[in-house]
Structure formats: C-alpha cells, structure tokens
C-alpha cells in the first residue's frame, strides 16, 4: 500500500504543481460542488495509476484541483464503494493519496436514508458520529506505521470544531442543519423496513453505504474530518416502498445548493 500510494502521489505531482489543504469527497447527486471551485487541473480516475474507477450513476470519476477563496482544494467527483466489488483498501486508497498530496482536512458528503423522525426528505445533517456495520474493516491486516498507529482513537471521528463552524454558517444563511449519527451498511440494496428499525434501535439517525471506511482511514492518518449527509428517503412505512436510485439523485440535487454553501464557506473560514 505504501509503495502504491507513493507511486500515485509522484504521478500526480509530476503532472501538476499543486498542494491542496482540503480534500472533499462528493457523494451521490452532489458532484456540482466543483462549480464552486476555481479549477486549475482535472485528472480522470482512469488516467491515475492504482486508482479504481467509479461505476455508480451520479459519480463522474475525476480528481479536481483548484481553489475556494484562498484555500487549495482537491475534490473527488465520485467515490468508490465496497458493494462495487472493491476491497476496503481500494475504497479508501484516494484518502491515503490525498494525505500525501498535502491534505490536512477532509470533508465527506453522502446521500442517506433517514430514521430520525425529526428528519424529512431533503434534510441536511452534520454527521456527529458513526456506527460501522460494514463486513470488512479498512485497517484489517498488517499495519503500515508510516500511515498511522495499529489502534486508532475514534472518540472524535468528526471534528467538533468543524461541526460548530458549520452550524454557525448554516444559521447565518438560514439553512436548517440537523445533526445525527450515520450507520454504515454494505449495500447495494436499500434497507428493508426491519433493517431501518434496526438502525434506529442501534442509535443511528441515518444509514448509507459509504463514508465510514473513508473516515476511519482519515483518522488513521490524523486528518481532521467533517461529514455531511442529505436525507434522500425516509425509512418508514409511508415511503419505503417507492425509493429508487433516481429519486435519491433527485432529492440530493434539490438540497445540493445548501450543501454547497455550507461546504464552501467552511473551507473558506476554517
């Protein structure tokens, strides 16, 4: 892994002279955030050595380098999922590359199903914590100490200070930013009604198929991390029978301008 990361970082550095401070991972329906970036370079995944290729509709598949305000940023237009057939080391490989490109802070976004009754379709949630129920752990196997310690402290996976700043931004712009715990499952099936009830019973407020492994690896390398989720369906009897991936994309797109505002202002101010 160490050698592959260094090979990929060298390839990117040879292509572009750019050291980002912020990394951003864009989830389903949120790819237009790159319109807020003063773009300097774009590298498609299929041109980057050792990179997987995103196979999910709504994930464009490129690294975008540029600036937001005075901050240098690299954004992933599309992420990788365990359910696509990749192992967790492949899923999280780009996070490791971001670290050695210079990234110090990571922002992850996603679309998720809500079980908190205070949520509705289109709600925006700052992730305060997560529950990992995915079947493979991204740090399983021999630990490479260049990346981080064998046992990682996960008492604050999502930066409290970044959440505080995001809440201030949301209040300033009149955005209803909720908070909640994200539970990660393998997918790709949407949850059954019984599974939604399980998520709620276990203490989750929303559930999805990404983010958790990326955040674990980010914390392994001491990247300060902020997570934000758009609720694209509700796991209740009234709505569970109708959800499709296209509806998820459409719901995320409706909330996208508010999510973009929060992320862009957070990068400028924090």
Protein backbone atom coordinates (compact mmCIF):
# COMPACT_ATOMS: atom_id res chain seq x y z
CA UNK A 1 0.00 0.00 0.00
CA UNK A 2 2.75 2.47 0.95
CA UNK A 3 4.55 1.95 -2.35
CA UNK A 4 1.33 2.27 -4.38
CA UNK A 5 0.39 5.50 -2.59
CA UNK A 6 3.83 7.00 -3.17
CA UNK A 7 3.74 5.95 -6.85
CA UNK A 8 0.35 7.61 -7.32
CA UNK A 9 1.36 10.77 -5.44
CA UNK A 10 4.51 11.06 -7.57
CA UNK A 11 2.46 10.67 -10.76
CA UNK A 12 0.08 13.44 -9.71
CA UNK A 13 2.88 15.74 -8.53
CA UNK A 14 4.72 15.24 -11.80
CA UNK A 15 1.54 16.19 -13.69
CA UNK A 16 0.63 19.24 -11.62
CA UNK A 17 2.37 21.54 -9.17
CA UNK A 18 -0.37 21.82 -6.57
CA UNK A 19 -0.51 21.16 -2.80
CA UNK A 20 -4.11 21.05 -1.52
CA UNK A 21 -5.00 21.74 2.11
CA UNK A 22 -8.56 20.41 1.85
CA UNK A 23 -9.86 17.15 0.40
CA UNK A 24 -13.55 16.81 -0.50
CA UNK A 25 -15.34 13.56 -1.35
CA UNK A 26 -18.59 14.19 -3.23
CA UNK A 27 -21.44 11.69 -2.86
CA UNK A 28 -24.46 10.82 -4.98
CA UNK A 29 -26.06 13.85 -6.61
CA UNK A 30 -23.54 16.29 -5.12
CA UNK A 31 -20.98 16.44 -7.92
CA UNK A 32 -21.82 20.01 -8.95
CA UNK A 33 -19.88 21.32 -5.95
CA UNK A 34 -16.94 21.55 -8.33
CA UNK A 35 -18.71 24.58 -9.88
CA UNK A 36 -17.69 26.44 -6.70
CA UNK A 37 -14.02 25.63 -7.30
CA UNK A 38 -11.72 27.82 -9.37
CA UNK A 39 -10.46 24.78 -11.25
CA UNK A 40 -6.79 24.53 -12.19
CA UNK A 41 -6.43 20.83 -13.02
CA UNK A 42 -8.68 17.83 -13.65
CA UNK A 43 -7.41 14.23 -13.68
CA UNK A 44 -9.84 11.42 -14.66
CA UNK A 45 -9.53 8.38 -12.41
CA UNK A 46 -8.78 6.09 -15.33
CA UNK A 47 -5.59 8.08 -16.02
CA UNK A 48 -4.26 7.81 -12.45
CA UNK A 49 -2.15 4.74 -11.61
CA UNK A 50 -3.57 2.42 -8.91
CA UNK A 51 -6.89 4.31 -8.78
CA UNK A 52 -10.16 2.36 -9.02
CA UNK A 53 -12.87 3.61 -11.39
CA UNK A 54 -16.30 4.65 -10.12
CA UNK A 55 -19.16 2.59 -11.58
CA UNK A 56 -22.15 4.30 -9.93
CA UNK A 57 -24.56 6.62 -11.76
CA UNK A 58 -24.11 10.17 -10.48
CA UNK A 59 -20.38 9.71 -9.82
CA UNK A 60 -18.36 11.33 -12.63
CA UNK A 61 -14.93 9.91 -11.80
CA UNK A 62 -12.24 12.59 -11.63
CA UNK A 63 -9.93 14.42 -9.24
CA UNK A 64 -10.49 18.18 -9.48
CA UNK A 65 -7.82 20.57 -8.19
CA UNK A 66 -8.40 24.26 -7.58
CA UNK A 67 -9.13 26.98 -5.05
CA UNK A 68 -12.07 28.13 -2.94
CA UNK A 69 -11.32 31.56 -1.58
CA UNK A 70 -7.67 31.39 -0.54
CA UNK A 71 -7.73 27.64 0.15
CA UNK A 72 -6.35 24.97 -2.17
CA UNK A 73 -8.69 22.01 -2.63
CA UNK A 74 -8.76 18.58 -4.26
CA UNK A 75 -12.27 17.16 -4.81
CA UNK A 76 -13.27 13.63 -5.75
CA UNK A 77 -16.12 13.67 -8.25
CA UNK A 78 -17.37 10.24 -7.30
CA UNK A 79 -16.20 7.82 -4.65
CA UNK A 80 -15.69 4.06 -4.50
CA UNK A 81 -17.92 1.63 -2.62
CA UNK A 82 -17.39 -1.79 -1.14
CA UNK A 83 -20.54 -3.02 -2.92
CA UNK A 84 -18.95 -2.28 -6.31
CA UNK A 85 -16.60 -5.20 -5.69
CA UNK A 86 -13.61 -3.24 -4.42
CA UNK A 87 -11.98 -4.21 -1.15
CA UNK A 88 -11.74 -1.63 1.62
CA UNK A 89 -8.12 -0.77 0.86
CA UNK A 90 -9.16 0.17 -2.69
CA UNK A 91 -12.21 2.06 -1.43
CA UNK A 92 -10.04 4.20 0.85
CA UNK A 93 -6.95 4.44 -1.37
CA UNK A 94 -7.76 8.02 -2.54
CA UNK A 95 -7.87 9.24 1.08
CA UNK A 96 -4.32 7.99 1.59
CA UNK A 97 -3.24 9.69 -1.63
CA UNK A 98 -4.87 12.97 -0.53
CA UNK A 99 -2.90 12.90 2.73
CA UNK A 100 0.43 12.66 0.90
CA UNK A 101 -0.55 15.32 -1.61
CA UNK A 102 -0.72 17.68 1.39
CA UNK A 103 -4.34 17.47 2.57
CA UNK A 104 -4.85 18.23 6.28
CA UNK A 105 -8.67 18.39 6.44
CA UNK A 106 -11.22 16.10 4.78
CA UNK A 107 -14.89 16.80 4.02
CA UNK A 108 -17.08 13.83 3.08
CA UNK A 109 -20.63 14.07 1.74
CA UNK A 110 -23.24 11.44 1.04
CA UNK A 111 -26.90 10.67 0.46
CA UNK A 112 -28.57 8.59 3.15
CA UNK A 113 -31.85 7.16 4.37
CA UNK A 114 -33.32 8.80 7.46
CA UNK A 115 -34.84 7.11 10.51
CA UNK A 116 -34.87 10.10 12.87
CA UNK A 117 -38.49 11.36 12.94
CA UNK A 118 -37.20 14.95 13.02
CA UNK A 119 -35.80 14.46 9.51
CA UNK A 120 -37.60 14.60 6.19
CA UNK A 121 -36.54 14.08 2.57
CA UNK A 122 -34.14 16.92 1.78
CA UNK A 123 -32.91 17.40 5.36
CA UNK A 124 -29.21 18.20 5.66
CA UNK A 125 -27.34 16.52 8.51
CA UNK A 126 -23.92 17.23 10.02
CA UNK A 127 -22.60 13.80 11.00
CA UNK A 128 -21.54 13.77 14.65
CA UNK A 129 -20.53 10.11 14.90
CA UNK A 130 -20.91 6.80 13.09
CA UNK A 131 -21.65 3.12 13.64
CA UNK A 132 -19.63 0.73 11.49
CA UNK A 133 -21.59 -2.38 10.43
CA UNK A 134 -19.71 -2.99 7.19
CA UNK A 135 -18.37 -6.54 6.78
CA UNK A 136 -14.71 -5.61 6.21
CA UNK A 137 -12.57 -3.10 8.12
CA UNK A 138 -10.24 -0.84 6.10
CA UNK A 139 -7.43 -1.28 8.65
CA UNK A 140 -7.61 -5.09 8.77
CA UNK A 141 -4.27 -6.76 8.08
CA UNK A 142 -0.70 -5.69 8.72
CA UNK A 143 -0.46 -2.09 9.89
CA UNK A 144 1.91 0.13 7.91
CA UNK A 145 3.24 2.50 10.57
CA UNK A 146 4.08 5.20 8.01
CA UNK A 147 0.32 5.81 7.78
CA UNK A 148 -0.61 5.66 11.44
CA UNK A 149 -0.88 3.52 14.61
CA UNK A 150 -2.18 -0.02 14.87
CA UNK A 151 -5.05 1.03 17.16
CA UNK A 152 -6.78 4.27 16.23
CA UNK A 153 -8.58 6.54 18.69
CA UNK A 154 -12.08 7.05 17.29
CA UNK A 155 -13.51 9.16 20.13
CA UNK A 156 -13.88 12.14 17.76
CA UNK A 157 -14.14 10.84 14.18
CA UNK A 158 -15.91 14.04 13.08
CA UNK A 159 -14.30 17.30 14.19
CA UNK A 160 -16.42 19.05 16.83
CA UNK A 161 -14.90 22.38 15.90
CA UNK A 162 -15.72 21.93 12.21
CA UNK A 163 -19.30 20.95 13.15
CA UNK A 164 -19.56 24.09 15.33
CA UNK A 165 -18.34 26.28 12.45
CA UNK A 166 -20.74 24.60 10.01
CA UNK A 167 -23.66 25.25 12.38
CA UNK A 168 -22.71 28.94 12.56
CA UNK A 169 -22.59 29.11 8.76
CA UNK A 170 -25.97 27.39 8.47
CA UNK A 171 -27.57 29.84 10.92
CA UNK A 172 -26.07 32.78 9.04
CA UNK A 173 -27.57 31.62 5.72
CA UNK A 174 -30.87 30.41 7.14
CA UNK A 175 -30.16 26.73 6.48
CA UNK A 176 -31.68 24.11 8.77
CA UNK A 177 -28.62 21.97 9.55
CA UNK A 178 -29.51 18.97 11.68
CA UNK A 179 -27.10 16.65 13.48
CA UNK A 180 -27.02 12.89 13.70
CA UNK A 181 -25.27 9.53 13.80
CA UNK A 182 -24.60 7.78 10.47
CA UNK A 183 -24.73 3.99 10.32
CA UNK A 184 -22.77 2.29 7.53
CA UNK A 185 -24.03 -0.88 5.83
CA UNK A 186 -22.61 -2.75 2.84
CA UNK A 187 -25.41 -2.24 0.28
CA UNK A 188 -26.21 -2.06 -2.58
CA UNK A 189 -29.80 -2.89 -1.64
CA UNK A 190 -31.83 -0.22 0.07
CA UNK A 191 -32.75 -1.24 3.60
CA UNK A 192 -35.84 -3.26 4.44
CA UNK A 193 -38.31 -1.78 6.89
CA UNK A 194 -36.99 -4.16 9.56
CA UNK A 195 -33.42 -3.01 8.83
CA UNK A 196 -34.47 0.62 9.16
CA UNK A 197 -35.98 -0.23 12.55
CA UNK A 198 -32.68 -1.91 13.49
CA UNK A 199 -30.73 1.22 12.53
CA UNK A 200 -32.96 3.30 14.78
CA UNK A 201 -32.75 0.78 17.66
CA UNK A 202 -28.94 0.79 17.46
CA UNK A 203 -28.79 4.58 17.79
CA UNK A 204 -28.45 5.61 14.16
CA UNK A 205 -30.23 8.64 12.75
CA UNK A 206 -29.46 7.86 9.11
CA UNK A 207 -27.99 4.99 7.12
CA UNK A 208 -25.88 4.67 3.98
CA UNK A 209 -23.32 2.64 2.07
CA UNK A 210 -20.19 4.83 2.20
CA UNK A 211 -18.25 7.37 4.29
CA UNK A 212 -17.42 5.18 7.31
CA UNK A 213 -14.33 3.46 5.82
CA UNK A 214 -13.05 6.77 4.41
CA UNK A 215 -13.36 8.46 7.80
CA UNK A 216 -11.64 5.57 9.60
CA UNK A 217 -8.67 5.83 7.25
CA UNK A 218 -8.65 9.63 7.53
CA UNK A 219 -8.44 9.38 11.31
CA UNK A 220 -5.75 6.70 11.00
CA UNK A 221 -3.64 9.43 9.35
CA UNK A 222 -4.87 12.23 11.68
CA UNK A 223 -6.84 14.14 9.06
CA UNK A 224 -9.42 16.44 10.65
CA UNK A 225 -12.75 15.34 9.20
CA UNK A 226 -16.23 16.77 8.63
CA UNK A 227 -19.19 14.75 7.30
CA UNK A 228 -22.44 16.00 5.81
CA UNK A 229 -25.40 13.96 4.59
CA UNK A 230 -28.55 14.66 2.57
CA UNK A 231 -31.59 12.64 3.60
CA UNK A 232 -32.95 11.31 0.30
CA UNK A 233 -35.58 8.89 1.66
CA UNK A 234 -37.25 8.08 4.95
CA UNK A 235 -37.25 4.57 6.35
CA UNK A 236 -40.88 4.40 7.35
CA UNK A 237 -43.91 2.50 6.12
CA UNK A 238 -45.26 5.51 4.23
CA UNK A 239 -42.28 5.92 1.91
CA UNK A 240 -40.13 2.78 1.94
CA UNK A 241 -41.90 1.12 -1.00
CA UNK A 242 -41.20 3.86 -3.51
CA UNK A 243 -37.48 4.65 -3.31
CA UNK A 244 -35.26 4.29 -6.40
CA UNK A 245 -31.69 5.43 -7.10
CA UNK A 246 -33.01 8.08 -9.49
CA UNK A 247 -35.16 9.52 -6.71
CA UNK A 248 -32.12 9.55 -4.43
CA UNK A 249 -30.19 11.58 -7.03
CA UNK A 250 -33.09 13.99 -7.49
CA UNK A 251 -33.54 14.54 -3.75
CA UNK A 252 -29.80 15.15 -3.31
CA UNK A 253 -29.81 17.60 -6.20
CA UNK A 254 -32.63 19.62 -4.62
CA UNK A 255 -30.64 20.03 -1.40
CA UNK A 256 -27.32 20.49 -3.20
CA UNK A 257 -27.18 24.34 -3.27
CA UNK A 258 -27.43 24.45 0.54
CA UNK A 259 -24.83 21.71 0.97
CA UNK A 260 -22.52 23.52 -1.43
CA UNK A 261 -22.90 26.75 0.52
CA UNK A 262 -22.03 25.08 3.82
CA UNK A 263 -19.00 23.23 2.42
CA UNK A 264 -17.63 26.22 0.50
CA UNK A 265 -17.98 28.60 3.46
CA UNK A 266 -16.49 26.01 5.84
CA UNK A 267 -13.43 25.71 3.61
CA UNK A 268 -13.05 29.49 3.40
CA UNK A 269 -13.40 30.08 7.13
CA UNK A 270 -11.88 27.08 8.87
